[in-house]
Amino acid sequence: YTSAPSEPPTHRLDTLWIVTNSKIT
């Protein structure tokens, strides 16, 4: 339950979201 950018960063940044809520899509 967070606000996140709508698009990935313009520079290479591999993003791994560790999520505790199984309903997040």
mmCIF file of all heavy atoms, coordinates in Angstrom:
data_MODEL
# 
_entry.id   MODEL 
# 
loop_
_atom_site.group_PDB 
_atom_site.id 
_atom_site.type_symbol 
_atom_site.label_atom_id 
_atom_site.label_alt_id 
_atom_site.label_comp_id 
_atom_site.label_asym_id 
_atom_site.label_entity_id 
_atom_site.label_seq_id 
_atom_site.pdbx_PDB_ins_code 
_atom_site.Cartn_x 
_atom_site.Cartn_y 
_atom_site.Cartn_z 
_atom_site.occupancy 
_atom_site.B_iso_or_equiv 
_atom_site.pdbx_formal_charge 
_atom_site.auth_seq_id 
_atom_site.auth_comp_id 
_atom_site.auth_asym_id 
_atom_site.auth_atom_id 
_atom_site.pdbx_PDB_model_num 
ATOM 1   N N   . TYR A 1 1  ? 0.867  -1.183  0.000   1.00 0.00 ? 1  TYR A N   1 
ATOM 2   C CA  . TYR A 1 1  ? 0.000  0.000   0.000   1.00 0.00 ? 1  TYR A CA  1 
ATOM 3   C C   . TYR A 1 1  ? 0.898  1.226   0.000   1.00 0.00 ? 1  TYR A C   1 
ATOM 4   O O   . TYR A 1 1  ? 1.139  1.852   1.026   1.00 0.00 ? 1  TYR A O   1 
ATOM 5   C CB  . TYR A 1 1  ? -0.938 -0.017  1.204   1.00 0.00 ? 1  TYR A CB  1 
ATOM 6   C CG  . TYR A 1 1  ? -1.914 -1.155  1.124   1.00 0.00 ? 1  TYR A CG  1 
ATOM 7   C CD1 . TYR A 1 1  ? -1.785 -2.262  1.938   1.00 0.00 ? 1  TYR A CD1 1 
ATOM 8   C CD2 . TYR A 1 1  ? -2.961 -1.131  0.204   1.00 0.00 ? 1  TYR A CD2 1 
ATOM 9   C CE1 . TYR A 1 1  ? -2.669 -3.324  1.853   1.00 0.00 ? 1  TYR A CE1 1 
ATOM 10  C CE2 . TYR A 1 1  ? -3.857 -2.186  0.107   1.00 0.00 ? 1  TYR A CE2 1 
ATOM 11  C CZ  . TYR A 1 1  ? -3.706 -3.272  0.937   1.00 0.00 ? 1  TYR A CZ  1 
ATOM 12  O OH  . TYR A 1 1  ? -4.583 -4.321  0.843   1.00 0.00 ? 1  TYR A OH  1 
ATOM 13  N N   . THR A 1 2  ? 1.412  1.533   -1.153  1.00 0.00 ? 2  THR A N   1 
ATOM 14  C CA  . THR A 1 2  ? 2.385  2.598   -1.311  1.00 0.00 ? 2  THR A CA  1 
ATOM 15  C C   . THR A 1 2  ? 2.153  3.299   -2.632  1.00 0.00 ? 2  THR A C   1 
ATOM 16  O O   . THR A 1 2  ? 1.553  2.736   -3.543  1.00 0.00 ? 2  THR A O   1 
ATOM 17  C CB  . THR A 1 2  ? 3.817  2.028   -1.261  1.00 0.00 ? 2  THR A CB  1 
ATOM 18  O OG1 . THR A 1 2  ? 4.751  3.112   -1.336  1.00 0.00 ? 2  THR A OG1 1 
ATOM 19  C CG2 . THR A 1 2  ? 4.105  1.077   -2.406  1.00 0.00 ? 2  THR A CG2 1 
ATOM 20  N N   . SER A 1 3  ? 2.621  4.508   -2.727  1.00 0.00 ? 3  SER A N   1 
ATOM 21  C CA  . SER A 1 3  ? 2.682  5.188   -4.011  1.00 0.00 ? 3  SER A CA  1 
ATOM 22  C C   . SER A 1 3  ? 4.027  4.855   -4.610  1.00 0.00 ? 3  SER A C   1 
ATOM 23  O O   . SER A 1 3  ? 5.048  4.913   -3.931  1.00 0.00 ? 3  SER A O   1 
ATOM 24  C CB  . SER A 1 3  ? 2.558  6.699   -3.815  1.00 0.00 ? 3  SER A CB  1 
ATOM 25  O OG  . SER A 1 3  ? 1.312  7.010   -3.255  1.00 0.00 ? 3  SER A OG  1 
ATOM 26  N N   . ALA A 1 4  ? 4.010  4.487   -5.861  1.00 0.00 ? 4  ALA A N   1 
ATOM 27  C CA  . ALA A 1 4  ? 5.245  4.167   -6.562  1.00 0.00 ? 4  ALA A CA  1 
ATOM 28  C C   . ALA A 1 4  ? 5.220  4.892   -7.903  1.00 0.00 ? 4  ALA A C   1 
ATOM 29  O O   . ALA A 1 4  ? 4.142  5.208   -8.422  1.00 0.00 ? 4  ALA A O   1 
ATOM 30  C CB  . ALA A 1 4  ? 5.363  2.660   -6.773  1.00 0.00 ? 4  ALA A CB  1 
ATOM 31  N N   . PRO A 1 5  ? 6.376  5.161   -8.460  1.00 0.00 ? 5  PRO A N   1 
ATOM 32  C CA  . PRO A 1 5  ? 6.382  5.791   -9.778  1.00 0.00 ? 5  PRO A CA  1 
ATOM 33  C C   . PRO A 1 5  ? 5.593  4.936   -10.772 1.00 0.00 ? 5  PRO A C   1 
ATOM 34  O O   . PRO A 1 5  ? 5.549  3.711   -10.660 1.00 0.00 ? 5  PRO A O   1 
ATOM 35  C CB  . PRO A 1 5  ? 7.867  5.830   -10.147 1.00 0.00 ? 5  PRO A CB  1 
ATOM 36  C CG  . PRO A 1 5  ? 8.589  5.772   -8.845  1.00 0.00 ? 5  PRO A CG  1 
ATOM 37  C CD  . PRO A 1 5  ? 7.727  4.920   -7.961  1.00 0.00 ? 5  PRO A CD  1 
ATOM 38  N N   . SER A 1 6  ? 4.961  5.583   -11.731 1.00 0.00 ? 6  SER A N   1 
ATOM 39  C CA  . SER A 1 6  ? 4.178  4.830   -12.721 1.00 0.00 ? 6  SER A CA  1 
ATOM 40  C C   . SER A 1 6  ? 5.072  4.157   -13.754 1.00 0.00 ? 6  SER A C   1 
ATOM 41  O O   . SER A 1 6  ? 4.655  3.205   -14.406 1.00 0.00 ? 6  SER A O   1 
ATOM 42  C CB  . SER A 1 6  ? 3.174  5.749   -13.413 1.00 0.00 ? 6  SER A CB  1 
ATOM 43  O OG  . SER A 1 6  ? 3.846  6.825   -14.025 1.00 0.00 ? 6  SER A OG  1 
ATOM 44  N N   . GLU A 1 7  ? 6.302  4.623   -13.874 1.00 0.00 ? 7  GLU A N   1 
ATOM 45  C CA  . GLU A 1 7  ? 7.248  4.034   -14.817 1.00 0.00 ? 7  GLU A CA  1 
ATOM 46  C C   . GLU A 1 7  ? 8.580  3.807   -14.116 1.00 0.00 ? 7  GLU A C   1 
ATOM 47  O O   . GLU A 1 7  ? 8.919  4.503   -13.170 1.00 0.00 ? 7  GLU A O   1 
ATOM 48  C CB  . GLU A 1 7  ? 7.458  4.966   -16.005 1.00 0.00 ? 7  GLU A CB  1 
ATOM 49  C CG  . GLU A 1 7  ? 6.192  5.188   -16.805 1.00 0.00 ? 7  GLU A CG  1 
ATOM 50  C CD  . GLU A 1 7  ? 6.447  6.077   -18.000 1.00 0.00 ? 7  GLU A CD  1 
ATOM 51  O OE1 . GLU A 1 7  ? 7.615  6.403   -18.294 1.00 0.00 ? 7  GLU A OE1 1 
ATOM 52  O OE2 . GLU A 1 7  ? 5.456  6.454   -18.639 1.00 0.00 ? 7  GLU A OE2 1 
ATOM 53  N N   . PRO A 1 8  ? 9.337  2.830   -14.601 1.00 0.00 ? 8  PRO A N   1 
ATOM 54  C CA  . PRO A 1 8  ? 10.644 2.579   -13.983 1.00 0.00 ? 8  PRO A CA  1 
ATOM 55  C C   . PRO A 1 8  ? 11.569 3.775   -14.180 1.00 0.00 ? 8  PRO A C   1 
ATOM 56  O O   . PRO A 1 8  ? 11.358 4.600   -15.066 1.00 0.00 ? 8  PRO A O   1 
ATOM 57  C CB  . PRO A 1 8  ? 11.159 1.345   -14.726 1.00 0.00 ? 8  PRO A CB  1 
ATOM 58  C CG  . PRO A 1 8  ? 10.375 1.258   -15.982 1.00 0.00 ? 8  PRO A CG  1 
ATOM 59  C CD  . PRO A 1 8  ? 9.069  1.952   -15.729 1.00 0.00 ? 8  PRO A CD  1 
ATOM 60  N N   . PRO A 1 9  ? 12.592 3.868   -13.337 1.00 0.00 ? 9  PRO A N   1 
ATOM 61  C CA  . PRO A 1 9  ? 13.556 4.967   -13.473 1.00 0.00 ? 9  PRO A CA  1 
ATOM 62  C C   . PRO A 1 9  ? 14.230 4.925   -14.843 1.00 0.00 ? 9  PRO A C   1 
ATOM 63  O O   . PRO A 1 9  ? 14.330 3.867   -15.458 1.00 0.00 ? 9  PRO A O   1 
ATOM 64  C CB  . PRO A 1 9  ? 14.569 4.709   -12.363 1.00 0.00 ? 9  PRO A CB  1 
ATOM 65  C CG  . PRO A 1 9  ? 14.151 3.479   -11.666 1.00 0.00 ? 9  PRO A CG  1 
ATOM 66  C CD  . PRO A 1 9  ? 12.913 2.947   -12.289 1.00 0.00 ? 9  PRO A CD  1 
ATOM 67  N N   . THR A 1 10 ? 14.679 6.084   -15.292 1.00 0.00 ? 10 THR A N   1 
ATOM 68  C CA  . THR A 1 10 ? 15.307 6.144   -16.613 1.00 0.00 ? 10 THR A CA  1 
ATOM 69  C C   . THR A 1 10 ? 16.688 5.503   -16.609 1.00 0.00 ? 10 THR A C   1 
ATOM 70  O O   . THR A 1 10 ? 17.133 5.007   -17.634 1.00 0.00 ? 10 THR A O   1 
ATOM 71  C CB  . THR A 1 10 ? 15.416 7.605   -17.105 1.00 0.00 ? 10 THR A CB  1 
ATOM 72  O OG1 . THR A 1 10 ? 16.104 8.365   -16.116 1.00 0.00 ? 10 THR A OG1 1 
ATOM 73  C CG2 . THR A 1 10 ? 14.046 8.194   -17.351 1.00 0.00 ? 10 THR A CG2 1 
ATOM 74  N N   . HIS A 1 11 ? 17.362 5.485   -15.477 1.00 0.00 ? 11 HIS A N   1 
ATOM 75  C CA  . HIS A 1 11 ? 18.655 4.791   -15.411 1.00 0.00 ? 11 HIS A CA  1 
ATOM 76  C C   . HIS A 1 11 ? 18.409 3.338   -14.988 1.00 0.00 ? 11 HIS A C   1 
ATOM 77  O O   . HIS A 1 11 ? 17.365 3.008   -14.436 1.00 0.00 ? 11 HIS A O   1 
ATOM 78  C CB  . HIS A 1 11 ? 19.620 5.496   -14.452 1.00 0.00 ? 11 HIS A CB  1 
ATOM 79  C CG  . HIS A 1 11 ? 19.174 5.488   -13.030 1.00 0.00 ? 11 HIS A CG  1 
ATOM 80  N ND1 . HIS A 1 11 ? 18.135 6.258   -12.565 1.00 0.00 ? 11 HIS A ND1 1 
ATOM 81  C CD2 . HIS A 1 11 ? 19.625 4.781   -11.962 1.00 0.00 ? 11 HIS A CD2 1 
ATOM 82  C CE1 . HIS A 1 11 ? 17.966 6.034   -11.287 1.00 0.00 ? 11 HIS A CE1 1 
ATOM 83  N NE2 . HIS A 1 11 ? 18.853 5.149   -10.886 1.00 0.00 ? 11 HIS A NE2 1 
ATOM 84  N N   . ARG A 1 12 ? 19.355 2.493   -15.264 1.00 0.00 ? 12 ARG A N   1 
ATOM 85  C CA  . ARG A 1 12 ? 19.200 1.075   -14.944 1.00 0.00 ? 12 ARG A CA  1 
ATOM 86  C C   . ARG A 1 12 ? 19.167 0.891   -13.434 1.00 0.00 ? 12 ARG A C   1 
ATOM 87  O O   . ARG A 1 12 ? 20.146 1.139   -12.736 1.00 0.00 ? 12 ARG A O   1 
ATOM 88  C CB  . ARG A 1 12 ? 20.359 0.273   -15.541 1.00 0.00 ? 12 ARG A CB  1 
ATOM 89  C CG  . ARG A 1 12 ? 20.311 -1.171  -15.131 1.00 0.00 ? 12 ARG A CG  1 
ATOM 90  C CD  . ARG A 1 12 ? 21.155 -2.045  -15.993 1.00 0.00 ? 12 ARG A CD  1 
ATOM 91  N NE  . ARG A 1 12 ? 21.442 -3.327  -15.408 1.00 0.00 ? 12 ARG A NE  1 
ATOM 92  C CZ  . ARG A 1 12 ? 20.544 -4.198  -14.975 1.00 0.00 ? 12 ARG A CZ  1 
ATOM 93  N NH1 . ARG A 1 12 ? 19.277 -3.914  -15.009 1.00 0.00 ? 12 ARG A NH1 1 
ATOM 94  N NH2 . ARG A 1 12 ? 20.916 -5.364  -14.488 1.00 0.00 ? 12 ARG A NH2 1 
ATOM 95  N N   . LEU A 1 13 ? 18.035 0.454   -12.923 1.00 0.00 ? 13 LEU A N   1 
ATOM 96  C CA  . LEU A 1 13 ? 17.870 0.177   -11.503 1.00 0.00 ? 13 LEU A CA  1 
ATOM 97  C C   . LEU A 1 13 ? 16.929 -1.022  -11.384 1.00 0.00 ? 13 LEU A C   1 
ATOM 98  O O   . LEU A 1 13 ? 15.720 -0.891  -11.566 1.00 0.00 ? 13 LEU A O   1 
ATOM 99  C CB  . LEU A 1 13 ? 17.291 1.385   -10.763 1.00 0.00 ? 13 LEU A CB  1 
ATOM 100 C CG  . LEU A 1 13 ? 17.121 1.217   -9.255  1.00 0.00 ? 13 LEU A CG  1 
ATOM 101 C CD1 . LEU A 1 13 ? 18.486 1.066   -8.567  1.00 0.00 ? 13 LEU A CD1 1 
ATOM 102 C CD2 . LEU A 1 13 ? 16.365 2.393   -8.667  1.00 0.00 ? 13 LEU A CD2 1 
ATOM 103 N N   . ASP A 1 14 ? 17.501 -2.184  -11.150 1.00 0.00 ? 14 ASP A N   1 
ATOM 104 C CA  . ASP A 1 14 ? 16.703 -3.392  -10.984 1.00 0.00 ? 14 ASP A CA  1 
ATOM 105 C C   . ASP A 1 14 ? 15.964 -3.280  -9.661  1.00 0.00 ? 14 ASP A C   1 
ATOM 106 O O   . ASP A 1 14 ? 16.580 -3.093  -8.619  1.00 0.00 ? 14 ASP A O   1 
ATOM 107 C CB  . ASP A 1 14 ? 17.608 -4.622  -11.008 1.00 0.00 ? 14 ASP A CB  1 
ATOM 108 C CG  . ASP A 1 14 ? 16.841 -5.918  -11.094 1.00 0.00 ? 14 ASP A CG  1 
ATOM 109 O OD1 . ASP A 1 14 ? 15.638 -5.897  -11.426 1.00 0.00 ? 14 ASP A OD1 1 
ATOM 110 O OD2 . ASP A 1 14 ? 17.445 -6.976  -10.839 1.00 0.00 ? 14 ASP A OD2 1 
ATOM 111 N N   . THR A 1 15 ? 14.632 -3.350  -9.695  1.00 0.00 ? 15 THR A N   1 
ATOM 112 C CA  . THR A 1 15 ? 13.820 -3.151  -8.499  1.00 0.00 ? 15 THR A CA  1 
ATOM 113 C C   . THR A 1 15 ? 13.169 -4.457  -8.081  1.00 0.00 ? 15 THR A C   1 
ATOM 114 O O   . THR A 1 15 ? 12.513 -5.114  -8.882  1.00 0.00 ? 15 THR A O   1 
ATOM 115 C CB  . THR A 1 15 ? 12.741 -2.082  -8.747  1.00 0.00 ? 15 THR A CB  1 
ATOM 116 O OG1 . THR A 1 15 ? 13.387 -0.880  -9.175  1.00 0.00 ? 15 THR A OG1 1 
ATOM 117 C CG2 . THR A 1 15 ? 11.937 -1.808  -7.487  1.00 0.00 ? 15 THR A CG2 1 
ATOM 118 N N   . LEU A 1 16 ? 13.352 -4.815  -6.818  1.00 0.00 ? 16 LEU A N   1 
ATOM 119 C CA  . LEU A 1 16 ? 12.732 -5.996  -6.227  1.00 0.00 ? 16 LEU A CA  1 
ATOM 120 C C   . LEU A 1 16 ? 11.846 -5.515  -5.090  1.00 0.00 ? 16 LEU A C   1 
ATOM 121 O O   . LEU A 1 16 ? 12.322 -4.912  -4.130  1.00 0.00 ? 16 LEU A O   1 
ATOM 122 C CB  . LEU A 1 16 ? 13.790 -6.971  -5.697  1.00 0.00 ? 16 LEU A CB  1 
ATOM 123 C CG  . LEU A 1 16 ? 13.267 -8.205  -4.978  1.00 0.00 ? 16 LEU A CG  1 
ATOM 124 C CD1 . LEU A 1 16 ? 12.382 -9.053  -5.885  1.00 0.00 ? 16 LEU A CD1 1 
ATOM 125 C CD2 . LEU A 1 16 ? 14.426 -9.026  -4.436  1.00 0.00 ? 16 LEU A CD2 1 
ATOM 126 N N   . TRP A 1 17 ? 10.537 -5.742  -5.214  1.00 0.00 ? 17 TRP A N   1 
ATOM 127 C CA  . TRP A 1 17 ? 9.572  -5.377  -4.195  1.00 0.00 ? 17 TRP A CA  1 
ATOM 128 C C   . TRP A 1 17 ? 9.346  -6.584  -3.294  1.00 0.00 ? 17 TRP A C   1 
ATOM 129 O O   . TRP A 1 17 ? 8.881  -7.628  -3.753  1.00 0.00 ? 17 TRP A O   1 
ATOM 130 C CB  . TRP A 1 17 ? 8.228  -4.985  -4.829  1.00 0.00 ? 17 TRP A CB  1 
ATOM 131 C CG  . TRP A 1 17 ? 8.308  -3.829  -5.781  1.00 0.00 ? 17 TRP A CG  1 
ATOM 132 C CD1 . TRP A 1 17 ? 8.398  -3.910  -7.144  1.00 0.00 ? 17 TRP A CD1 1 
ATOM 133 C CD2 . TRP A 1 17 ? 8.272  -2.447  -5.452  1.00 0.00 ? 17 TRP A CD2 1 
ATOM 134 N NE1 . TRP A 1 17 ? 8.432  -2.638  -7.685  1.00 0.00 ? 17 TRP A NE1 1 
ATOM 135 C CE2 . TRP A 1 17 ? 8.352  -1.726  -6.674  1.00 0.00 ? 17 TRP A CE2 1 
ATOM 136 C CE3 . TRP A 1 17 ? 8.180  -1.740  -4.260  1.00 0.00 ? 17 TRP A CE3 1 
ATOM 137 C CZ2 . TRP A 1 17 ? 8.344  -0.335  -6.718  1.00 0.00 ? 17 TRP A CZ2 1 
ATOM 138 C CZ3 . TRP A 1 17 ? 8.170  -0.361  -4.309  1.00 0.00 ? 17 TRP A CZ3 1 
ATOM 139 C CH2 . TRP A 1 17 ? 8.250  0.337   -5.520  1.00 0.00 ? 17 TRP A CH2 1 
ATOM 140 N N   . ILE A 1 18 ? 9.683  -6.485  -2.016  1.00 0.00 ? 18 ILE A N   1 
ATOM 141 C CA  . ILE A 1 18 ? 9.399  -7.533  -1.032  1.00 0.00 ? 18 ILE A CA  1 
ATOM 142 C C   . ILE A 1 18 ? 8.067  -7.137  -0.402  1.00 0.00 ? 18 ILE A C   1 
ATOM 143 O O   . ILE A 1 18 ? 7.995  -6.160  0.343   1.00 0.00 ? 18 ILE A O   1 
ATOM 144 C CB  . ILE A 1 18 ? 10.493 -7.637  0.049   1.00 0.00 ? 18 ILE A CB  1 
ATOM 145 C CG1 . ILE A 1 18 ? 11.886 -7.734  -0.574  1.00 0.00 ? 18 ILE A CG1 1 
ATOM 146 C CG2 . ILE A 1 18 ? 10.198 -8.794  0.991   1.00 0.00 ? 18 ILE A CG2 1 
ATOM 147 C CD1 . ILE A 1 18 ? 12.128 -8.979  -1.388  1.00 0.00 ? 18 ILE A CD1 1 
ATOM 148 N N   . VAL A 1 19 ? 7.009  -7.889  -0.716  1.00 0.00 ? 19 VAL A N   1 
ATOM 149 C CA  . VAL A 1 19 ? 5.648  -7.493  -0.362  1.00 0.00 ? 19 VAL A CA  1 
ATOM 150 C C   . VAL A 1 19 ? 5.048  -8.472  0.641   1.00 0.00 ? 19 VAL A C   1 
ATOM 151 O O   . VAL A 1 19 ? 5.071  -9.683  0.427   1.00 0.00 ? 19 VAL A O   1 
ATOM 152 C CB  . VAL A 1 19 ? 4.766  -7.419  -1.628  1.00 0.00 ? 19 VAL A CB  1 
ATOM 153 C CG1 . VAL A 1 19 ? 3.346  -7.013  -1.293  1.00 0.00 ? 19 VAL A CG1 1 
ATOM 154 C CG2 . VAL A 1 19 ? 5.367  -6.463  -2.643  1.00 0.00 ? 19 VAL A CG2 1 
ATOM 155 N N   . THR A 1 20 ? 4.483  -7.924  1.727   1.00 0.00 ? 20 THR A N   1 
ATOM 156 C CA  . THR A 1 20 ? 3.885  -8.766  2.770   1.00 0.00 ? 20 THR A CA  1 
ATOM 157 C C   . THR A 1 20 ? 2.395  -8.979  2.570   1.00 0.00 ? 20 THR A C   1 
ATOM 158 O O   . THR A 1 20 ? 1.781  -9.710  3.327   1.00 0.00 ? 20 THR A O   1 
ATOM 159 C CB  . THR A 1 20 ? 4.100  -8.146  4.162   1.00 0.00 ? 20 THR A CB  1 
ATOM 160 O OG1 . THR A 1 20 ? 3.508  -6.849  4.187   1.00 0.00 ? 20 THR A OG1 1 
ATOM 161 C CG2 . THR A 1 20 ? 5.572  -8.060  4.505   1.00 0.00 ? 20 THR A CG2 1 
ATOM 162 N N   . ASN A 1 21 ? 1.799  -8.373  1.566   1.00 0.00 ? 21 ASN A N   1 
ATOM 163 C CA  . ASN A 1 21 ? 0.366  -8.510  1.330   1.00 0.00 ? 21 ASN A CA  1 
ATOM 164 C C   . ASN A 1 21 ? 0.151  -9.290  0.038   1.00 0.00 ? 21 ASN A C   1 
ATOM 165 O O   . ASN A 1 21 ? 0.513  -8.827  -1.039  1.00 0.00 ? 21 ASN A O   1 
ATOM 166 C CB  . ASN A 1 21 ? -0.295 -7.132  1.241   1.00 0.00 ? 21 ASN A CB  1 
ATOM 167 C CG  . ASN A 1 21 ? -1.796 -7.215  1.136   1.00 0.00 ? 21 ASN A CG  1 
ATOM 168 O OD1 . ASN A 1 21 ? -2.342 -8.112  0.523   1.00 0.00 ? 21 ASN A OD1 1 
ATOM 169 N ND2 . ASN A 1 21 ? -2.470 -6.266  1.740   1.00 0.00 ? 21 ASN A ND2 1 
ATOM 170 N N   . SER A 1 22 ? -0.472 -10.450 0.123   1.00 0.00 ? 22 SER A N   1 
ATOM 171 C CA  . SER A 1 22 ? -0.651 -11.299 -1.052  1.00 0.00 ? 22 SER A CA  1 
ATOM 172 C C   . SER A 1 22 ? -1.667 -10.747 -2.043  1.00 0.00 ? 22 SER A C   1 
ATOM 173 O O   . SER A 1 22 ? -1.750 -11.220 -3.167  1.00 0.00 ? 22 SER A O   1 
ATOM 174 C CB  . SER A 1 22 ? -1.079 -12.703 -0.615  1.00 0.00 ? 22 SER A CB  1 
ATOM 175 O OG  . SER A 1 22 ? -2.343 -12.644 0.026   1.00 0.00 ? 22 SER A OG  1 
ATOM 176 N N   . LYS A 1 23 ? -2.422 -9.725  -1.670  1.00 0.00 ? 23 LYS A N   1 
ATOM 177 C CA  . LYS A 1 23 ? -3.448 -9.176  -2.558  1.00 0.00 ? 23 LYS A CA  1 
ATOM 178 C C   . LYS A 1 23 ? -2.908 -8.092  -3.487  1.00 0.00 ? 23 LYS A C   1 
ATOM 179 O O   . LYS A 1 23 ? -3.597 -7.656  -4.391  1.00 0.00 ? 23 LYS A O   1 
ATOM 180 C CB  . LYS A 1 23 ? -4.609 -8.621  -1.735  1.00 0.00 ? 23 LYS A CB  1 
ATOM 181 C CG  . LYS A 1 23 ? -5.323 -9.706  -0.960  1.00 0.00 ? 23 LYS A CG  1 
ATOM 182 C CD  . LYS A 1 23 ? -6.416 -9.135  -0.100  1.00 0.00 ? 23 LYS A CD  1 
ATOM 183 C CE  . LYS A 1 23 ? -7.020 -10.276 0.717   1.00 0.00 ? 23 LYS A CE  1 
ATOM 184 N NZ  . LYS A 1 23 ? -7.865 -9.789  1.784   1.00 0.00 ? 23 LYS A NZ  1 
ATOM 185 N N   . ILE A 1 24 ? -1.701 -7.630  -3.245  1.00 0.00 ? 24 ILE A N   1 
ATOM 186 C CA  . ILE A 1 24 ? -1.124 -6.584  -4.085  1.00 0.00 ? 24 ILE A CA  1 
ATOM 187 C C   . ILE A 1 24 ? -0.797 -7.178  -5.446  1.00 0.00 ? 24 ILE A C   1 
ATOM 188 O O   . ILE A 1 24 ? -0.170 -8.220  -5.555  1.00 0.00 ? 24 ILE A O   1 
ATOM 189 C CB  . ILE A 1 24 ? 0.136  -5.986  -3.431  1.00 0.00 ? 24 ILE A CB  1 
ATOM 190 C CG1 . ILE A 1 24 ? -0.235 -5.332  -2.105  1.00 0.00 ? 24 ILE A CG1 1 
ATOM 191 C CG2 . ILE A 1 24 ? 0.829  -4.992  -4.356  1.00 0.00 ? 24 ILE A CG2 1 
ATOM 192 C CD1 . ILE A 1 24 ? -1.288 -4.240  -2.209  1.00 0.00 ? 24 ILE A CD1 1 
ATOM 193 N N   . THR A 1 25 ? -1.227 -6.499  -6.486  1.00 0.00 ? 25 THR A N   1 
ATOM 194 C CA  . THR A 1 25 ? -1.028 -7.003  -7.843  1.00 0.00 ? 25 THR A CA  1 
ATOM 195 C C   . THR A 1 25 ? -0.029 -6.134  -8.601  1.00 0.00 ? 25 THR A C   1 
ATOM 196 O O   . THR A 1 25 ? 0.344  -5.046  -8.165  1.00 0.00 ? 25 THR A O   1 
ATOM 197 C CB  . THR A 1 25 ? -2.366 -7.019  -8.603  1.00 0.00 ? 25 THR A CB  1 
ATOM 198 O OG1 . THR A 1 25 ? -2.870 -5.683  -8.649  1.00 0.00 ? 25 THR A OG1 1 
ATOM 199 C CG2 . THR A 1 25 ? -3.366 -7.941  -7.931  1.00 0.00 ? 25 THR A CG2 1 
# 
